[in-house]
């Protein structure tokens, strides 16, 4: 992961798409000076900028964020651990739904007695 703006990566992607930095500035709706600040890592990209760059460069939003130095690494989890956690949540939800149904039946019963 790039800790800072990866100028070489962005320039390579721009060149591969036959674009210029001016094209990027226009796509972001900013001037050349603002784009230069981004390239010098003196201005961070917004979420909108990241999405626009991803579309322009034909890459994922995650790739742009990573190479722009604005992404936070997501810890990798064990698939089995995630499946176990989801199963536990499903069981708890089933118990809660059963409790709500029981309470609803009790309320209906109590209303019928009055």
PDB file of N, CA and C in Angstrom:
ATOM      1  N   UNK A   1       0.840  -1.182   0.000  1.00  0.00           N
ATOM      2  CA  UNK A   1       0.000   0.000   0.000  1.00  0.00           C
ATOM      3  C   UNK A   1       0.878   1.235   0.000  1.00  0.00           C
ATOM      4  N   UNK A   2       0.502   2.207  -0.772  1.00  0.00           N
ATOM      5  CA  UNK A   2       1.231   3.474  -0.797  1.00  0.00           C
ATOM      6  C   UNK A   2       0.880   4.263   0.454  1.00  0.00           C
ATOM      7  N   UNK A   3       1.899   4.759   1.138  1.00  0.00           N
ATOM      8  CA  UNK A   3       1.641   5.589   2.310  1.00  0.00           C
ATOM      9  C   UNK A   3       1.348   7.012   1.885  1.00  0.00           C
ATOM     10  N   UNK A   4       1.839   7.357   0.728  1.00  0.00           N
ATOM     11  CA  UNK A   4       1.650   8.697   0.195  1.00  0.00           C
ATOM     12  C   UNK A   4       1.193   8.565  -1.246  1.00  0.00           C
ATOM     13  N   UNK A   5       0.863   9.683  -1.842  1.00  0.00           N
ATOM     14  CA  UNK A   5       0.386   9.684  -3.220  1.00  0.00           C
ATOM     15  C   UNK A   5       1.437   9.066  -4.141  1.00  0.00           C
ATOM     16  N   UNK A   6       1.037   8.058  -4.882  1.00  0.00           N
ATOM     17  CA  UNK A   6       1.930   7.297  -5.768  1.00  0.00           C
ATOM     18  C   UNK A   6       1.896   7.908  -7.174  1.00  0.00           C
ATOM     19  N   UNK A   7       2.678   8.956  -7.349  1.00  0.00           N
ATOM     20  CA  UNK A   7       2.701   9.708  -8.607  1.00  0.00           C
ATOM     21  C   UNK A   7       3.004   8.811  -9.798  1.00  0.00           C
ATOM     22  N   UNK A   8       3.989   7.934  -9.654  1.00  0.00           N
ATOM     23  CA  UNK A   8       4.382   7.078 -10.777  1.00  0.00           C
ATOM     24  C   UNK A   8       3.222   6.182 -11.222  1.00  0.00           C
ATOM     25  N   UNK A   9       2.475   5.641 -10.263  1.00  0.00           N
ATOM     26  CA  UNK A   9       1.350   4.764 -10.591  1.00  0.00           C
ATOM     27  C   UNK A   9       0.282   5.543 -11.348  1.00  0.00           C
ATOM     28  N   UNK A  10      -0.061   6.732 -10.824  1.00  0.00           N
ATOM     29  CA  UNK A  10      -1.088   7.544 -11.490  1.00  0.00           C
ATOM     30  C   UNK A  10      -0.638   7.977 -12.878  1.00  0.00           C
ATOM     31  N   UNK A  11       0.623   8.414 -13.009  1.00  0.00           N
ATOM     32  CA  UNK A  11       1.117   8.820 -14.328  1.00  0.00           C
ATOM     33  C   UNK A  11       1.074   7.652 -15.312  1.00  0.00           C
ATOM     34  N   UNK A  12       1.420   6.454 -14.850  1.00  0.00           N
ATOM     35  CA  UNK A  12       1.384   5.278 -15.727  1.00  0.00           C
ATOM     36  C   UNK A  12      -0.047   4.974 -16.169  1.00  0.00           C
ATOM     37  N   UNK A  13      -0.994   5.068 -15.253  1.00  0.00           N
ATOM     38  CA  UNK A  13      -2.404   4.812 -15.596  1.00  0.00           C
ATOM     39  C   UNK A  13      -2.927   5.868 -16.570  1.00  0.00           C
ATOM     40  N   UNK A  14      -2.543   7.112 -16.342  1.00  0.00           N
ATOM     41  CA  UNK A  14      -2.973   8.200 -17.225  1.00  0.00           C
ATOM     42  C   UNK A  14      -2.424   7.984 -18.632  1.00  0.00           C
ATOM     43  N   UNK A  15      -1.140   7.660 -18.715  1.00  0.00           N
ATOM     44  CA  UNK A  15      -0.491   7.424 -20.002  1.00  0.00           C
ATOM     45  C   UNK A  15      -1.130   6.233 -20.721  1.00  0.00           C
ATOM     46  N   UNK A  16      -1.421   5.163 -19.967  1.00  0.00           N
ATOM     47  CA  UNK A  16      -2.013   3.966 -20.564  1.00  0.00           C
ATOM     48  C   UNK A  16      -3.390   4.260 -21.159  1.00  0.00           C
ATOM     49  N   UNK A  17      -4.080   5.248 -20.635  1.00  0.00           N
ATOM     50  CA  UNK A  17      -5.408   5.619 -21.138  1.00  0.00           C
ATOM     51  C   UNK A  17      -5.342   6.765 -22.150  1.00  0.00           C
ATOM     52  N   UNK A  18      -4.115   7.139 -22.548  1.00  0.00           N
ATOM     53  CA  UNK A  18      -3.899   8.244 -23.494  1.00  0.00           C
ATOM     54  C   UNK A  18      -4.516   9.541 -22.986  1.00  0.00           C
ATOM     55  N   UNK A  19      -4.339   9.785 -21.694  1.00  0.00           N
ATOM     56  CA  UNK A  19      -4.840  10.999 -21.071  1.00  0.00           C
ATOM     57  C   UNK A  19      -3.674  11.870 -20.638  1.00  0.00           C
ATOM     58  N   UNK A  20      -4.001  13.061 -20.204  1.00  0.00           N
ATOM     59  CA  UNK A  20      -3.003  13.970 -19.659  1.00  0.00           C
ATOM     60  C   UNK A  20      -3.430  14.367 -18.252  1.00  0.00           C
ATOM     61  N   UNK A  21      -2.532  14.997 -17.529  1.00  0.00           N
ATOM     62  CA  UNK A  21      -2.897  15.511 -16.210  1.00  0.00           C
ATOM     63  C   UNK A  21      -3.994  16.564 -16.333  1.00  0.00           C
ATOM     64  N   UNK A  22      -3.993  17.291 -17.428  1.00  0.00           N
ATOM     65  CA  UNK A  22      -5.051  18.268 -17.677  1.00  0.00           C
ATOM     66  C   UNK A  22      -6.416  17.595 -17.763  1.00  0.00           C
ATOM     67  N   UNK A  23      -6.451  16.422 -18.397  1.00  0.00           N
ATOM     68  CA  UNK A  23      -7.700  15.665 -18.473  1.00  0.00           C
ATOM     69  C   UNK A  23      -8.169  15.268 -17.066  1.00  0.00           C
ATOM     70  N   UNK A  24      -7.211  14.895 -16.235  1.00  0.00           N
ATOM     71  CA  UNK A  24      -7.540  14.509 -14.866  1.00  0.00           C
ATOM     72  C   UNK A  24      -8.095  15.712 -14.106  1.00  0.00           C
ATOM     73  N   UNK A  25      -7.432  16.847 -14.239  1.00  0.00           N
ATOM     74  CA  UNK A  25      -7.891  18.063 -13.558  1.00  0.00           C
ATOM     75  C   UNK A  25      -9.320  18.397 -13.981  1.00  0.00           C
ATOM     76  N   UNK A  26      -9.600  18.318 -15.256  1.00  0.00           N
ATOM     77  CA  UNK A  26     -10.951  18.606 -15.750  1.00  0.00           C
ATOM     78  C   UNK A  26     -11.967  17.602 -15.193  1.00  0.00           C
ATOM     79  N   UNK A  27     -11.589  16.328 -15.140  1.00  0.00           N
ATOM     80  CA  UNK A  27     -12.492  15.299 -14.617  1.00  0.00           C
ATOM     81  C   UNK A  27     -12.796  15.537 -13.146  1.00  0.00           C
ATOM     82  N   UNK A  28     -11.831  16.088 -12.431  1.00  0.00           N
ATOM     83  CA  UNK A  28     -12.031  16.367 -11.009  1.00  0.00           C
ATOM     84  C   UNK A  28     -12.659  17.734 -10.773  1.00  0.00           C
ATOM     85  N   UNK A  29     -12.730  18.534 -11.827  1.00  0.00           N
ATOM     86  CA  UNK A  29     -13.308  19.867 -11.694  1.00  0.00           C
ATOM     87  C   UNK A  29     -12.414  20.823 -10.928  1.00  0.00           C
ATOM     88  N   UNK A  30     -11.102  20.645 -11.113  1.00  0.00           N
ATOM     89  CA  UNK A  30     -10.130  21.502 -10.419  1.00  0.00           C
ATOM     90  C   UNK A  30      -9.136  22.058 -11.427  1.00  0.00           C
ATOM     91  N   UNK A  31      -8.367  23.029 -11.003  1.00  0.00           N
ATOM     92  CA  UNK A  31      -7.350  23.602 -11.867  1.00  0.00           C
ATOM     93  C   UNK A  31      -6.055  22.810 -11.817  1.00  0.00           C
ATOM     94  N   UNK A  32      -5.152  23.163 -12.725  1.00  0.00           N
ATOM     95  CA  UNK A  32      -3.862  22.477 -12.796  1.00  0.00           C
ATOM     96  C   UNK A  32      -3.050  22.624 -11.503  1.00  0.00           C
ATOM     97  N   UNK A  33      -3.169  23.784 -10.856  1.00  0.00           N
ATOM     98  CA  UNK A  33      -2.418  23.997  -9.612  1.00  0.00           C
ATOM     99  C   UNK A  33      -2.920  23.081  -8.505  1.00  0.00           C
ATOM    100  N   UNK A  34      -4.218  22.929  -8.404  1.00  0.00           N
ATOM    101  CA  UNK A  34      -4.783  22.028  -7.397  1.00  0.00           C
ATOM    102  C   UNK A  34      -4.377  20.585  -7.673  1.00  0.00           C
ATOM    103  N   UNK A  35      -4.364  20.220  -8.963  1.00  0.00           N
ATOM    104  CA  UNK A  35      -3.932  18.866  -9.308  1.00  0.00           C
ATOM    105  C   UNK A  35      -2.459  18.680  -8.957  1.00  0.00           C
ATOM    106  N   UNK A  36      -1.648  19.702  -9.197  1.00  0.00           N
ATOM    107  CA  UNK A  36      -0.222  19.616  -8.842  1.00  0.00           C
ATOM    108  C   UNK A  36      -0.063  19.404  -7.341  1.00  0.00           C
ATOM    109  N   UNK A  37      -0.921  20.038  -6.541  1.00  0.00           N
ATOM    110  CA  UNK A  37      -0.874  19.833  -5.092  1.00  0.00           C
ATOM    111  C   UNK A  37      -1.197  18.387  -4.737  1.00  0.00           C
ATOM    112  N   UNK A  38      -2.139  17.801  -5.444  1.00  0.00           N
ATOM    113  CA  UNK A  38      -2.465  16.389  -5.207  1.00  0.00           C
ATOM    114  C   UNK A  38      -1.259  15.535  -5.556  1.00  0.00           C
ATOM    115  N   UNK A  39      -0.652  15.793  -6.700  1.00  0.00           N
ATOM    116  CA  UNK A  39       0.498  15.005  -7.152  1.00  0.00           C
ATOM    117  C   UNK A  39       1.685  15.158  -6.194  1.00  0.00           C
ATOM    118  N   UNK A  40       1.803  16.304  -5.533  1.00  0.00           N
ATOM    119  CA  UNK A  40       2.889  16.534  -4.562  1.00  0.00           C
ATOM    120  C   UNK A  40       2.485  16.074  -3.161  1.00  0.00           C
ATOM    121  N   UNK A  41       1.320  15.454  -3.060  1.00  0.00           N
ATOM    122  CA  UNK A  41       0.796  14.958  -1.791  1.00  0.00           C
ATOM    123  C   UNK A  41       0.577  16.083  -0.788  1.00  0.00           C
ATOM    124  N   UNK A  42       0.168  17.243  -1.306  1.00  0.00           N
ATOM    125  CA  UNK A  42      -0.116  18.387  -0.446  1.00  0.00           C
ATOM    126  C   UNK A  42      -1.615  18.641  -0.337  1.00  0.00           C
ATOM    127  N   UNK A  43      -2.394  17.821  -1.027  1.00  0.00           N
ATOM    128  CA  UNK A  43      -3.853  17.914  -0.964  1.00  0.00           C
ATOM    129  C   UNK A  43      -4.407  16.506  -1.082  1.00  0.00           C
ATOM    130  N   UNK A  44      -5.256  16.138  -0.144  1.00  0.00           N
ATOM    131  CA  UNK A  44      -5.832  14.798  -0.150  1.00  0.00           C
ATOM    132  C   UNK A  44      -7.053  14.750  -1.051  1.00  0.00           C
ATOM    133  N   UNK A  45      -7.241  13.614  -1.664  1.00  0.00           N
ATOM    134  CA  UNK A  45      -8.411  13.421  -2.512  1.00  0.00           C
ATOM    135  C   UNK A  45      -9.650  13.192  -1.653  1.00  0.00           C
ATOM    136  N   UNK A  46     -10.766  13.730  -2.107  1.00  0.00           N
ATOM    137  CA  UNK A  46     -12.048  13.462  -1.441  1.00  0.00           C
ATOM    138  C   UNK A  46     -12.589  12.138  -1.972  1.00  0.00           C
ATOM    139  N   UNK A  47     -13.634  11.642  -1.328  1.00  0.00           N
ATOM    140  CA  UNK A  47     -14.268  10.406  -1.791  1.00  0.00           C
ATOM    141  C   UNK A  47     -14.796  10.572  -3.214  1.00  0.00           C
ATOM    142  N   UNK A  48     -15.343  11.762  -3.511  1.00  0.00           N
ATOM    143  CA  UNK A  48     -15.833  12.046  -4.868  1.00  0.00           C
ATOM    144  C   UNK A  48     -14.679  12.022  -5.871  1.00  0.00           C
ATOM    145  N   UNK A  49     -13.532  12.599  -5.467  1.00  0.00           N
ATOM    146  CA  UNK A  49     -12.355  12.602  -6.347  1.00  0.00           C
ATOM    147  C   UNK A  49     -11.883  11.180  -6.635  1.00  0.00           C
ATOM    148  N   UNK A  50     -11.872  10.359  -5.594  1.00  0.00           N
ATOM    149  CA  UNK A  50     -11.431   8.964  -5.749  1.00  0.00           C
ATOM    150  C   UNK A  50     -12.341   8.239  -6.735  1.00  0.00           C
ATOM    151  N   UNK A  51     -13.647   8.416  -6.582  1.00  0.00           N
ATOM    152  CA  UNK A  51     -14.600   7.767  -7.483  1.00  0.00           C
ATOM    153  C   UNK A  51     -14.427   8.268  -8.924  1.00  0.00           C
ATOM    154  N   UNK A  52     -14.223   9.564  -9.086  1.00  0.00           N
ATOM    155  CA  UNK A  52     -14.040  10.130 -10.430  1.00  0.00           C
ATOM    156  C   UNK A  52     -12.761   9.598 -11.073  1.00  0.00           C
ATOM    157  N   UNK A  53     -11.691   9.533 -10.292  1.00  0.00           N
ATOM    158  CA  UNK A  53     -10.433   9.003 -10.826  1.00  0.00           C
ATOM    159  C   UNK A  53     -10.562   7.531 -11.205  1.00  0.00           C
ATOM    160  N   UNK A  54     -11.253   6.770 -10.383  1.00  0.00           N
ATOM    161  CA  UNK A  54     -11.437   5.344 -10.682  1.00  0.00           C
ATOM    162  C   UNK A  54     -12.153   5.174 -12.009  1.00  0.00           C
ATOM    163  N   UNK A  55     -13.214   5.944 -12.211  1.00  0.00           N
ATOM    164  CA  UNK A  55     -13.962   5.861 -13.471  1.00  0.00           C
ATOM    165  C   UNK A  55     -13.096   6.294 -14.646  1.00  0.00           C
ATOM    166  N   UNK A  56     -12.359   7.376 -14.460  1.00  0.00           N
ATOM    167  CA  UNK A  56     -11.517   7.901 -15.539  1.00  0.00           C
ATOM    168  C   UNK A  56     -10.397   6.926 -15.919  1.00  0.00           C
ATOM    169  N   UNK A  57      -9.801   6.302 -14.902  1.00  0.00           N
ATOM    170  CA  UNK A  57      -8.652   5.428 -15.147  1.00  0.00           C
ATOM    171  C   UNK A  57      -9.039   3.973 -15.383  1.00  0.00           C
ATOM    172  N   UNK A  58     -10.312   3.653 -15.196  1.00  0.00           N
ATOM    173  CA  UNK A  58     -10.761   2.279 -15.428  1.00  0.00           C
ATOM    174  C   UNK A  58     -10.234   1.297 -14.399  1.00  0.00           C
ATOM    175  N   UNK A  59     -10.132   1.753 -13.169  1.00  0.00           N
ATOM    176  CA  UNK A  59      -9.662   0.892 -12.078  1.00  0.00           C
ATOM    177  C   UNK A  59     -10.670   0.973 -10.935  1.00  0.00           C
ATOM    178  N   UNK A  60     -10.447   0.172  -9.918  1.00  0.00           N
ATOM    179  CA  UNK A  60     -11.380   0.182  -8.792  1.00  0.00           C
ATOM    180  C   UNK A  60     -11.137   1.387  -7.888  1.00  0.00           C
ATOM    181  N   UNK A  61     -12.169   1.738  -7.152  1.00  0.00           N
ATOM    182  CA  UNK A  61     -12.058   2.818  -6.176  1.00  0.00           C
ATOM    183  C   UNK A  61     -10.988   2.461  -5.140  1.00  0.00           C
ATOM    184  N   UNK A  62     -10.943   1.197  -4.760  1.00  0.00           N
ATOM    185  CA  UNK A  62      -9.946   0.743  -3.795  1.00  0.00           C
ATOM    186  C   UNK A  62      -8.521   0.955  -4.276  1.00  0.00           C
ATOM    187  N   UNK A  63      -8.276   0.680  -5.556  1.00  0.00           N
ATOM    188  CA  UNK A  63      -6.939   0.882  -6.116  1.00  0.00           C
ATOM    189  C   UNK A  63      -6.539   2.353  -6.056  1.00  0.00           C
ATOM    190  N   UNK A  64      -7.470   3.218  -6.452  1.00  0.00           N
ATOM    191  CA  UNK A  64      -7.178   4.657  -6.432  1.00  0.00           C
ATOM    192  C   UNK A  64      -6.889   5.099  -5.005  1.00  0.00           C
ATOM    193  N   UNK A  65      -7.750   4.692  -4.072  1.00  0.00           N
ATOM    194  CA  UNK A  65      -7.562   5.088  -2.676  1.00  0.00           C
ATOM    195  C   UNK A  65      -6.232   4.588  -2.139  1.00  0.00           C
ATOM    196  N   UNK A  66      -5.905   3.367  -2.469  1.00  0.00           N
ATOM    197  CA  UNK A  66      -4.632   2.787  -2.004  1.00  0.00           C
ATOM    198  C   UNK A  66      -3.440   3.573  -2.543  1.00  0.00           C
ATOM    199  N   UNK A  67      -3.438   3.860  -3.832  1.00  0.00           N
ATOM    200  CA  UNK A  67      -2.303   4.552  -4.443  1.00  0.00           C
ATOM    201  C   UNK A  67      -2.299   6.051  -4.153  1.00  0.00           C
ATOM    202  N   UNK A  68      -3.437   6.560  -3.701  1.00  0.00           N
ATOM    203  CA  UNK A  68      -3.492   7.966  -3.308  1.00  0.00           C
ATOM    204  C   UNK A  68      -3.105   8.138  -1.841  1.00  0.00           C
ATOM    205  N   UNK A  69      -2.929   7.023  -1.147  1.00  0.00           N
ATOM    206  CA  UNK A  69      -2.540   7.089   0.262  1.00  0.00           C
ATOM    207  C   UNK A  69      -3.684   7.492   1.166  1.00  0.00           C
ATOM    208  N   UNK A  70      -4.927   7.265   0.719  1.00  0.00           N
ATOM    209  CA  UNK A  70      -6.072   7.651   1.547  1.00  0.00           C
ATOM    210  C   UNK A  70      -6.845   6.448   2.069  1.00  0.00           C
ATOM    211  N   UNK A  71      -6.369   5.254   1.781  1.00  0.00           N
ATOM    212  CA  UNK A  71      -7.103   4.081   2.252  1.00  0.00           C
ATOM    213  C   UNK A  71      -6.487   3.548   3.533  1.00  0.00           C
ATOM    214  N   UNK A  72      -7.315   2.920   4.305  1.00  0.00           N
ATOM    215  CA  UNK A  72      -6.871   2.264   5.523  1.00  0.00           C
ATOM    216  C   UNK A  72      -6.898   0.774   5.259  1.00  0.00           C
ATOM    217  N   UNK A  73      -5.814   0.084   5.566  1.00  0.00           N
ATOM    218  CA  UNK A  73      -5.829  -1.359   5.324  1.00  0.00           C
ATOM    219  C   UNK A  73      -6.936  -2.032   6.132  1.00  0.00           C
ATOM    220  N   UNK A  74      -7.617  -2.955   5.511  1.00  0.00           N
ATOM    221  CA  UNK A  74      -8.666  -3.708   6.182  1.00  0.00           C
ATOM    222  C   UNK A  74      -8.070  -5.034   6.632  1.00  0.00           C
ATOM    223  N   UNK A  75      -8.180  -5.326   7.920  1.00  0.00           N
ATOM    224  CA  UNK A  75      -7.611  -6.586   8.384  1.00  0.00           C
ATOM    225  C   UNK A  75      -8.270  -7.764   7.675  1.00  0.00           C
ATOM    226  N   UNK A  76      -7.479  -8.705   7.297  1.00  0.00           N
ATOM    227  CA  UNK A  76      -8.001  -9.905   6.657  1.00  0.00           C
ATOM    228  C   UNK A  76      -8.529 -10.836   7.741  1.00  0.00           C
ATOM    229  N   UNK A  77      -9.726 -11.342   7.551  1.00  0.00           N
ATOM    230  CA  UNK A  77     -10.292 -12.244   8.537  1.00  0.00           C
ATOM    231  C   UNK A  77     -10.380 -13.640   7.954  1.00  0.00           C
ATOM    232  N   UNK A  78     -10.405 -14.574   8.840  1.00  0.00           N
ATOM    233  CA  UNK A  78     -10.520 -15.959   8.464  1.00  0.00           C
ATOM    234  C   UNK A  78     -11.957 -16.216   8.012  1.00  0.00           C
ATOM    235  N   UNK A  79     -12.144 -16.828   6.864  1.00  0.00           N
ATOM    236  CA  UNK A  79     -13.484 -17.076   6.329  1.00  0.00           C
ATOM    237  C   UNK A  79     -14.297 -17.938   7.285  1.00  0.00           C
ATOM    238  N   UNK A  80     -13.661 -18.886   7.929  1.00  0.00           N
ATOM    239  CA  UNK A  80     -14.374 -19.757   8.878  1.00  0.00           C
ATOM    240  C   UNK A  80     -14.859 -18.940  10.079  1.00  0.00           C
ATOM    241  N   UNK A  81     -14.014 -18.030  10.545  1.00  0.00           N
ATOM    242  CA  UNK A  81     -14.379 -17.164  11.673  1.00  0.00           C
ATOM    243  C   UNK A  81     -15.589 -16.305  11.320  1.00  0.00           C
ATOM    244  N   UNK A  82     -15.590 -15.755  10.132  1.00  0.00           N
ATOM    245  CA  UNK A  82     -16.713 -14.930   9.686  1.00  0.00           C
ATOM    246  C   UNK A  82     -17.978 -15.774   9.584  1.00  0.00           C
ATOM    247  N   UNK A  83     -17.861 -16.974   9.035  1.00  0.00           N
ATOM    248  CA  UNK A  83     -19.026 -17.858   8.916  1.00  0.00           C
ATOM    249  C   UNK A  83     -19.577 -18.201  10.296  1.00  0.00           C
ATOM    250  N   UNK A  84     -18.698 -18.471  11.255  1.00  0.00           N
ATOM    251  CA  UNK A  84     -19.135 -18.773  12.620  1.00  0.00           C
ATOM    252  C   UNK A  84     -19.847 -17.578  13.243  1.00  0.00           C
ATOM    253  N   UNK A  85     -19.310 -16.389  13.036  1.00  0.00           N
ATOM    254  CA  UNK A  85     -19.936 -15.181  13.580  1.00  0.00           C
ATOM    255  C   UNK A  85     -21.311 -14.953  12.962  1.00  0.00           C
ATOM    256  N   UNK A  86     -21.433 -15.170  11.658  1.00  0.00           N
ATOM    257  CA  UNK A  86     -22.720 -15.009  10.993  1.00  0.00           C
ATOM    258  C   UNK A  86     -23.738 -16.035  11.493  1.00  0.00           C
ATOM    259  N   UNK A  87     -23.287 -17.263  11.723  1.00  0.00           N
ATOM    260  CA  UNK A  87     -24.179 -18.297  12.245  1.00  0.00           C
ATOM    261  C   UNK A  87     -24.672 -17.916  13.642  1.00  0.00           C
ATOM    262  N   UNK A  88     -23.777 -17.389  14.456  1.00  0.00           N
ATOM    263  CA  UNK A  88     -24.162 -16.955  15.804  1.00  0.00           C
ATOM    264  C   UNK A  88     -25.186 -15.821  15.740  1.00  0.00           C
ATOM    265  N   UNK A  89     -24.962 -14.875  14.859  1.00  0.00           N
ATOM    266  CA  UNK A  89     -25.896 -13.763  14.699  1.00  0.00           C
ATOM    267  C   UNK A  89     -27.253 -14.277  14.225  1.00  0.00           C
ATOM    268  N   UNK A  90     -27.254 -15.225  13.295  1.00  0.00           N
ATOM    269  CA  UNK A  90     -28.509 -15.786  12.794  1.00  0.00           C
ATOM    270  C   UNK A  90     -29.271 -16.482  13.914  1.00  0.00           C
ATOM    271  N   UNK A  91     -28.563 -17.220  14.756  1.00  0.00           N
ATOM    272  CA  UNK A  91     -29.216 -17.894  15.889  1.00  0.00           C
ATOM    273  C   UNK A  91     -29.816 -16.877  16.864  1.00  0.00           C
ATOM    274  N   UNK A  92     -29.070 -15.828  17.158  1.00  0.00           N
ATOM    275  CA  UNK A  92     -29.574 -14.794  18.067  1.00  0.00           C
ATOM    276  C   UNK A  92     -30.803 -14.111  17.474  1.00  0.00           C
ATOM    277  N   UNK A  93     -30.780 -13.851  16.186  1.00  0.00           N
ATOM    278  CA  UNK A  93     -31.917 -13.221  15.522  1.00  0.00           C
ATOM    279  C   UNK A  93     -33.144 -14.120  15.593  1.00  0.00           C
ATOM    280  N   UNK A  94     -32.955 -15.397  15.369  1.00  0.00           N
ATOM    281  CA  UNK A  94     -34.068 -16.347  15.457  1.00  0.00           C
ATOM    282  C   UNK A  94     -34.666 -16.344  16.860  1.00  0.00           C
ATOM    283  N   UNK A  95     -33.828 -16.344  17.891  1.00  0.00           N
ATOM    284  CA  UNK A  95     -34.317 -16.294  19.273  1.00  0.00           C
ATOM    285  C   UNK A  95     -35.084 -15.001  19.532  1.00  0.00           C
ATOM    286  N   UNK A  96     -34.556 -13.886  19.056  1.00  0.00           N
ATOM    287  CA  UNK A  96     -35.232 -12.595  19.250  1.00  0.00           C
ATOM    288  C   UNK A  96     -36.581 -12.560  18.544  1.00  0.00           C
ATOM    289  N   UNK A  97     -36.633 -13.079  17.327  1.00  0.00           N
ATOM    290  CA  UNK A  97     -37.896 -13.114  16.596  1.00  0.00           C
ATOM    291  C   UNK A  97     -38.919 -13.979  17.335  1.00  0.00           C
ATOM    292  N   UNK A  98     -38.457 -15.088  17.894  1.00  0.00           N
ATOM    293  CA  UNK A  98     -39.352 -15.959  18.663  1.00  0.00           C
ATOM    294  C   UNK A  98     -39.871 -15.233  19.900  1.00  0.00           C
ATOM    295  N   UNK A  99     -39.005 -14.503  20.579  1.00  0.00           N
ATOM    296  CA  UNK A  99     -39.407 -13.746  21.768  1.00  0.00           C
ATOM    297  C   UNK A  99     -40.439 -12.676  21.408  1.00  0.00           C
ATOM    298  N   UNK A 100     -40.211 -11.977  20.304  1.00  0.00           N
ATOM    299  CA  UNK A 100     -41.148 -10.942  19.879  1.00  0.00           C
ATOM    300  C   UNK A 100     -42.501 -11.564  19.556  1.00  0.00           C
ATOM    301  N   UNK A 101     -42.510 -12.702  18.891  1.00  0.00           N
ATOM    302  CA  UNK A 101     -43.767 -13.380  18.567  1.00  0.00           C
ATOM    303  C   UNK A 101     -44.487 -13.807  19.839  1.00  0.00           C
ATOM    304  N   UNK A 102     -43.740 -14.321  20.823  1.00  0.00           N
ATOM    305  CA  UNK A 102     -44.339 -14.719  22.101  1.00  0.00           C
ATOM    306  C   UNK A 102     -44.929 -13.512  22.823  1.00  0.00           C
ATOM    307  N   UNK A 103     -44.219 -12.398  22.829  1.00  0.00           N
ATOM    308  CA  UNK A 103     -44.729 -11.184  23.488  1.00  0.00           C
ATOM    309  C   UNK A 103     -45.980 -10.668  22.783  1.00  0.00           C
ATOM    310  N   UNK A 104     -45.984 -10.742  21.471  1.00  0.00           N
ATOM    311  CA  UNK A 104     -47.145 -10.289  20.705  1.00  0.00           C
ATOM    312  C   UNK A 104     -48.360 -11.152  21.039  1.00  0.00           C
ATOM    313  N   UNK A 105     -48.149 -12.460  21.097  1.00  0.00           N
ATOM    314  CA  UNK A 105     -49.245 -13.372  21.441  1.00  0.00           C
ATOM    315  C   UNK A 105     -49.749 -13.095  22.850  1.00  0.00           C
ATOM    316  N   UNK A 106     -48.855 -12.830  23.784  1.00  0.00           N
ATOM    317  CA  UNK A 106     -49.231 -12.515  25.160  1.00  0.00           C
ATOM    318  C   UNK A 106     -50.059 -11.232  25.219  1.00  0.00           C
ATOM    319  N   UNK A 107     -49.634 -10.202  24.476  1.00  0.00           N
ATOM    320  CA  UNK A 107     -50.384  -8.948  24.448  1.00  0.00           C
ATOM    321  C   UNK A 107     -51.779  -9.143  23.862  1.00  0.00           C
ATOM    322  N   UNK A 108     -51.851  -9.896  22.810  1.00  0.00           N
ATOM    323  CA  UNK A 108     -53.161 -10.165  22.192  1.00  0.00           C
ATOM    324  C   UNK A 108     -54.059 -10.901  23.196  1.00  0.00           C
ATOM    325  N   UNK A 109     -53.468 -11.864  23.898  1.00  0.00           N
ATOM    326  CA  UNK A 109     -54.213 -12.615  24.902  1.00  0.00           C
ATOM    327  C   UNK A 109     -54.678 -11.706  26.034  1.00  0.00           C
ATOM    328  N   UNK A 110     -53.815 -10.826  26.499  1.00  0.00           N
ATOM    329  CA  UNK A 110     -54.171  -9.909  27.580  1.00  0.00           C
ATOM    330  C   UNK A 110     -55.266  -8.928  27.148  1.00  0.00           C
ATOM    331  N   UNK A 111     -55.197  -8.455  25.944  1.00  0.00           N
ATOM    332  CA  UNK A 111     -56.226  -7.550  25.421  1.00  0.00           C
ATOM    333  C   UNK A 111     -57.577  -8.240  25.327  1.00  0.00           C
ATOM    334  N   UNK A 112     -57.570  -9.511  24.991  1.00  0.00           N
ATOM    335  CA  UNK A 112     -58.806 -10.273  24.871  1.00  0.00           C
ATOM    336  C   UNK A 112     -59.475 -10.506  26.207  1.00  0.00           C
ATOM    337  N   UNK A 113     -58.727 -10.469  27.278  1.00  0.00           N
ATOM    338  CA  UNK A 113     -59.268 -10.715  28.613  1.00  0.00           C
ATOM    339  C   UNK A 113     -59.912  -9.479  29.208  1.00  0.00           C
ATOM    340  N   UNK A 114     -59.590  -8.291  28.689  1.00  0.00           N
ATOM    341  CA  UNK A 114     -60.137  -7.058  29.281  1.00  0.00           C
ATOM    342  C   UNK A 114     -61.373  -6.580  28.596  1.00  0.00           C
TER     343      UNK A 114
END
